[in-house]
């Protein structure tokens, strides 16, 4: 399964968890919305009051620039450890990703 399909499946499940009876506008209570994407992320717009709401609005992930998959991995790592090892594992994981990204970027620039 690709990252895109995994993210889409997780997005659908989160939508169902957040609005099990269907979308309800947090401002006016309207039960309908237009769904569109902005920068690849789903947004619901209420036709009555025009409020735009994201899947993560009002949650601890609301202002994160990280993809939800990374947030969930971090949450899982931090909650599954015993004795605080989760923060060390998470730090190592993030460091490895940053080093790999920098190495790829450097390799790409060397060929130019």
Protein backbone atom coordinates (compact mmCIF):
# COMPACT_ATOMS: atom_id res chain seq x y z
CA UNK A 1 0.00 0.00 0.00
CA UNK A 2 1.41 3.38 -0.96
CA UNK A 3 1.75 6.34 1.39
CA UNK A 4 -0.92 8.18 -0.60
CA UNK A 5 -3.50 5.39 -0.27
CA UNK A 6 -2.58 4.90 3.40
CA UNK A 7 -3.07 8.61 4.05
CA UNK A 8 -6.40 8.53 2.20
CA UNK A 9 -7.60 5.55 4.21
CA UNK A 10 -6.57 7.23 7.47
CA UNK A 11 -8.25 10.45 6.37
CA UNK A 12 -11.51 8.62 5.67
CA UNK A 13 -11.38 6.88 9.05
CA UNK A 14 -10.68 10.14 10.89
CA UNK A 15 -13.55 11.82 9.07
CA UNK A 16 -15.87 9.01 10.19
CA UNK A 17 -14.58 9.30 13.78
CA UNK A 18 -14.96 13.09 13.87
CA UNK A 19 -18.40 13.24 12.25
CA UNK A 20 -20.04 9.78 12.62
CA UNK A 21 -23.46 11.19 11.64
CA UNK A 22 -22.00 13.30 8.83
CA UNK A 23 -20.51 16.78 8.84
CA UNK A 24 -21.99 19.34 11.25
CA UNK A 25 -20.78 22.93 11.10
CA UNK A 26 -19.15 23.91 14.42
CA UNK A 27 -20.39 27.50 14.05
CA UNK A 28 -24.03 27.22 12.97
CA UNK A 29 -24.90 23.51 13.21
CA UNK A 30 -25.70 23.11 9.49
CA UNK A 31 -25.57 19.46 8.45
CA UNK A 32 -24.27 19.91 4.90
CA UNK A 33 -20.99 21.08 3.44
CA UNK A 34 -18.98 21.36 0.27
CA UNK A 35 -15.79 19.30 0.38
CA UNK A 36 -12.73 20.57 -1.47
CA UNK A 37 -8.95 20.32 -1.16
CA UNK A 38 -6.51 23.09 -0.32
CA UNK A 39 -2.83 22.24 -0.57
CA UNK A 40 -3.84 18.58 -0.70
CA UNK A 41 -5.77 18.70 2.58
CA UNK A 42 -9.55 18.34 2.77
CA UNK A 43 -11.65 21.33 3.82
CA UNK A 44 -15.38 21.41 4.45
CA UNK A 45 -17.24 24.68 3.78
CA UNK A 46 -20.62 25.28 5.34
CA UNK A 47 -23.15 26.61 2.78
CA UNK A 48 -25.04 28.56 5.48
CA UNK A 49 -22.29 30.51 7.25
CA UNK A 50 -19.37 29.84 4.83
CA UNK A 51 -17.07 28.61 7.63
CA UNK A 52 -14.23 26.46 6.35
CA UNK A 53 -13.26 23.60 8.66
CA UNK A 54 -10.43 21.11 8.36
CA UNK A 55 -10.29 17.59 9.68
CA UNK A 56 -7.83 18.60 12.40
CA UNK A 57 -9.34 21.98 13.37
CA UNK A 58 -9.76 22.15 17.11
CA UNK A 59 -7.35 19.27 17.76
CA UNK A 60 -3.76 19.18 18.94
CA UNK A 61 -2.70 18.70 15.30
CA UNK A 62 -4.44 21.87 14.07
CA UNK A 63 -1.35 24.05 13.63
CA UNK A 64 1.18 21.35 12.81
CA UNK A 65 3.02 21.59 9.53
CA UNK A 66 3.74 17.87 9.65
CA UNK A 67 1.63 15.33 7.79
CA UNK A 68 -0.83 13.44 10.00
CA UNK A 69 1.04 10.20 9.32
CA UNK A 70 4.15 11.67 10.99
CA UNK A 71 2.08 13.01 13.90
CA UNK A 72 0.52 9.59 14.44
CA UNK A 73 3.90 7.84 14.25
CA UNK A 74 5.26 10.24 16.85
CA UNK A 75 2.24 9.73 19.10
CA UNK A 76 2.57 5.97 18.80
CA UNK A 77 6.31 6.01 19.58
CA UNK A 78 5.86 8.27 22.58
CA UNK A 79 2.95 6.32 24.07
CA UNK A 80 4.24 2.77 23.52
CA UNK A 81 7.52 3.04 25.36
CA UNK A 82 8.24 2.15 28.95
CA UNK A 83 10.53 4.32 31.03
CA UNK A 84 10.82 7.25 28.62
CA UNK A 85 12.62 5.42 25.82
CA UNK A 86 9.97 6.68 23.40
CA UNK A 87 11.39 10.18 23.28
CA UNK A 88 14.84 8.79 22.51
CA UNK A 89 13.43 6.52 19.78
CA UNK A 90 11.48 9.39 18.32
CA UNK A 91 14.51 11.69 18.35
CA UNK A 92 16.61 9.01 16.64
CA UNK A 93 13.88 8.45 14.05
CA UNK A 94 13.59 12.18 13.27
CA UNK A 95 17.38 12.57 13.15
CA UNK A 96 17.69 9.65 10.72
CA UNK A 97 15.02 11.14 8.47
CA UNK A 98 16.73 14.55 8.47
CA UNK A 99 20.14 13.06 7.71
CA UNK A 100 18.67 10.98 4.88
CA UNK A 101 16.89 14.01 3.41
CA UNK A 102 20.06 16.14 3.64
CA UNK A 103 22.12 13.37 2.03
CA UNK A 104 19.63 13.10 -0.84
CA UNK A 105 19.59 16.87 -1.30
CA UNK A 106 23.40 17.02 -1.29
CA UNK A 107 23.61 14.17 -3.81
CA UNK A 108 21.10 15.93 -6.06
CA UNK A 109 23.03 19.22 -5.89
CA UNK A 110 26.34 17.50 -6.65
CA UNK A 111 25.06 16.36 -10.03
CA UNK A 112 24.03 19.88 -11.11
